[in-house]
C-alpha cells in the first residue's frame, strides 16, 4: 500500500471503498508541498480540486465586512475544498498553509469521470460527502445559534 493510498484510506470520504476502488482513487492523487504562507486557493477562485492534508496545517478564512474571518484550522488527515465538487460554485473561502505542509490533490474532472464509470463507488463517496457536509452544517447551525444568543444578551 502506497503512502497516498494509506492516507486516503483514513479519510472519511473514502473509508468505505474497497482496496481496488481505493487504488483507483489513489492513481488520481497528486502530491504538493507548500511553505508557510502559501495560498492553496483564494475565495472566489474557480474550483478544480479537493485536497487532503498529508502533513501540516492550513487555515480557512472568509472575507468579512472589514477583514478576513478565521473559519477553521485543519491539520493532518483533514480534507477541504469538497463543496465545489458537488455544486460547481467558486471557492467560498481562502485556504493558506500555516506551516510547511504536504497536500494530496484530487482533480474534480478526473474524480467525477472515475465515479461516473463506477456507480457503486460513486454511491459510497457521495454518501460519505453528504454525511460529512450534514455534520458541518449542524456545527454551523449550533455556532450561529450561540452567536445570536450572545448578541441578543447585549441589548
Protein backbone atom coordinates (compact mmCIF):
# COMPACT_ATOMS: atom_id res chain seq x y z
CA UNK A 1 0.00 0.00 0.00
CA UNK A 2 1.43 3.40 -1.00
CA UNK A 3 1.63 6.42 1.32
CA UNK A 4 -1.13 8.19 -0.63
CA UNK A 5 -3.32 5.09 -0.54
CA UNK A 6 -2.80 4.75 3.22
CA UNK A 7 -3.68 8.43 3.68
CA UNK A 8 -6.83 8.20 1.55
CA UNK A 9 -7.97 5.04 3.34
CA UNK A 10 -8.12 7.04 6.57
CA UNK A 11 -10.06 9.95 5.05
CA UNK A 12 -13.76 9.92 5.87
CA UNK A 13 -14.77 10.37 2.21
CA UNK A 14 -13.04 7.18 1.10
CA UNK A 15 -13.27 4.93 4.17
CA UNK A 16 -15.93 2.63 2.68
CA UNK A 17 -14.08 1.95 -0.58
CA UNK A 18 -12.73 -1.49 -1.37
CA UNK A 19 -8.95 -1.84 -1.76
CA UNK A 20 -9.37 -1.89 -5.57
CA UNK A 21 -11.56 1.23 -5.54
CA UNK A 22 -9.12 2.98 -3.24
CA UNK A 23 -6.30 2.09 -5.62
CA UNK A 24 -8.23 3.75 -8.47
CA UNK A 25 -8.71 6.96 -6.46
CA UNK A 26 -5.07 6.91 -5.37
CA UNK A 27 -4.00 6.78 -9.02
CA UNK A 28 -5.55 10.24 -9.43
CA UNK A 29 -3.74 11.74 -6.42
CA UNK A 30 -1.10 14.40 -6.95
CA UNK A 31 1.12 15.42 -4.05
CA UNK A 32 2.26 19.00 -3.50
CA UNK A 33 4.46 20.70 -0.92
CA UNK A 34 3.61 24.13 0.48
CA UNK A 35 5.59 26.56 2.59
CA UNK A 36 4.13 28.56 5.46
CA UNK A 37 2.01 31.36 3.99
CA UNK A 38 1.41 29.71 0.60
CA UNK A 39 -2.17 30.03 -0.66
CA UNK A 40 -3.85 26.78 -1.71
CA UNK A 41 -6.72 28.76 -3.23
CA UNK A 42 -8.43 32.12 -2.77
CA UNK A 43 -12.07 32.92 -2.12
CA UNK A 44 -13.82 33.44 -5.46
CA UNK A 45 -11.43 31.21 -7.45
CA UNK A 46 -12.85 28.68 -9.87
CA UNK A 47 -12.56 25.30 -8.14
CA UNK A 48 -10.74 22.38 -9.76
CA UNK A 49 -9.70 20.06 -6.94
CA UNK A 50 -10.31 18.80 -3.45
CA UNK A 51 -7.44 18.43 -1.01
CA UNK A 52 -6.28 16.14 1.78
CA UNK A 53 -3.66 17.23 4.30
CA UNK A 54 -0.91 14.63 4.32
CA UNK A 55 1.15 16.60 6.83
CA UNK A 56 0.92 20.09 8.30
CA UNK A 57 -1.92 22.54 8.77
CA UNK A 58 -3.93 25.17 6.93
CA UNK A 59 -6.24 27.99 7.92
CA UNK A 60 -9.53 28.63 6.19
CA UNK A 61 -10.66 32.24 6.03
CA UNK A 62 -13.70 34.04 4.67
CA UNK A 63 -13.83 37.74 3.78
CA UNK A 64 -15.82 39.68 6.34
CA UNK A 65 -17.03 43.26 6.11
CA UNK A 66 -13.73 44.74 7.23
CA UNK A 67 -11.24 41.86 7.33
CA UNK A 68 -10.81 38.10 6.98
CA UNK A 69 -12.63 35.87 9.44
CA UNK A 70 -10.96 32.65 10.55
CA UNK A 71 -13.38 29.84 9.80
CA UNK A 72 -11.29 26.82 10.72
CA UNK A 73 -7.81 25.43 11.19
CA UNK A 74 -7.27 21.94 9.77
CA UNK A 75 -4.45 19.51 10.42
CA UNK A 76 -3.01 16.26 9.13
CA UNK A 77 -5.63 13.89 7.70
CA UNK A 78 -8.27 16.57 7.14
CA UNK A 79 -9.80 17.31 3.77
CA UNK A 80 -11.13 20.54 2.30
CA UNK A 81 -12.42 22.02 -0.95
CA UNK A 82 -15.07 19.34 -1.44
CA UNK A 83 -18.15 21.61 -1.55
CA UNK A 84 -17.38 22.83 -5.05
CA UNK A 85 -17.08 19.22 -6.21
CA UNK A 86 -20.81 18.90 -5.60
CA UNK A 87 -22.16 22.30 -6.60
CA UNK A 88 -19.61 23.61 -9.14
CA UNK A 89 -19.53 27.00 -7.43
CA UNK A 90 -16.47 29.18 -6.92
CA UNK A 91 -14.45 28.90 -3.72
CA UNK A 92 -16.36 30.20 -0.70
CA UNK A 93 -13.22 30.81 1.38
CA UNK A 94 -9.45 31.13 1.12
CA UNK A 95 -7.03 28.46 2.34
CA UNK A 96 -3.44 29.15 3.36
CA UNK A 97 -0.70 26.92 4.74
CA UNK A 98 0.22 27.78 8.34
CA UNK A 99 3.45 25.79 8.27
CA UNK A 100 5.37 23.60 5.84
CA UNK A 101 2.58 21.36 4.59
CA UNK A 102 2.14 18.43 2.23
CA UNK A 103 -1.20 18.03 0.49
CA UNK A 104 -2.74 15.48 -1.82
CA UNK A 105 -4.84 16.99 -4.59
CA UNK A 106 -7.67 15.19 -6.41
CA UNK A 107 -8.79 16.84 -9.65
CA UNK A 108 -12.59 17.20 -9.85
CA UNK A 109 -12.86 16.19 -13.52
CA UNK A 110 -10.75 13.07 -13.05
CA UNK A 111 -12.60 12.06 -9.88
CA UNK A 112 -16.00 12.70 -11.45
CA UNK A 113 -15.05 10.60 -14.51
CA UNK A 114 -13.94 7.76 -12.23
CA UNK A 115 -17.16 7.92 -10.21
CA UNK A 116 -19.32 8.13 -13.37
CA UNK A 117 -17.67 4.92 -14.59
CA UNK A 118 -18.12 3.17 -11.22
CA UNK A 119 -21.65 3.70 -9.85
CA UNK A 120 -21.11 1.52 -6.75
CA UNK A 121 -18.04 3.56 -5.83
CA UNK A 122 -19.91 6.78 -6.54
CA UNK A 123 -22.69 5.86 -4.12
CA UNK A 124 -20.13 5.31 -1.34
CA UNK A 125 -18.27 8.58 -1.98
CA UNK A 126 -21.37 10.74 -2.43
CA UNK A 127 -22.97 9.19 0.66
CA UNK A 128 -19.86 9.97 2.71
CA UNK A 129 -19.81 13.53 1.31
CA UNK A 130 -23.47 14.06 2.21
CA UNK A 131 -22.91 12.82 5.77
CA UNK A 132 -19.80 14.92 6.17
CA UNK A 133 -21.46 18.10 4.92
CA UNK A 134 -24.51 17.45 7.14
CA UNK A 135 -22.15 17.30 10.10
CA UNK A 136 -20.55 20.59 9.12
CA UNK A 137 -23.99 22.18 8.70
CA UNK A 138 -25.02 21.02 12.18
CA UNK A 139 -21.90 22.60 13.67
CA UNK A 140 -22.57 25.82 11.75
CA UNK A 141 -26.17 25.88 12.96
CA UNK A 142 -25.02 25.48 16.55
CA UNK A 143 -22.40 28.22 16.11
CA UNK A 144 -24.96 30.60 14.61
CA UNK A 145 -27.46 29.90 17.39
CA UNK A 146 -24.79 30.58 20.01
CA UNK A 147 -23.72 33.81 18.27
CA UNK A 148 -27.29 35.02 18.02
CA UNK A 149 -27.98 34.31 21.70
CA UNK A 150 -24.76 36.11 22.64
CA UNK A 151 -25.69 39.15 20.52
CA UNK A 152 -29.22 39.32 21.97
CA UNK A 153 -27.80 39.43 25.52
CA UNK A 154 -26.00 42.70 24.71
CA UNK A 155 -29.26 44.60 24.09
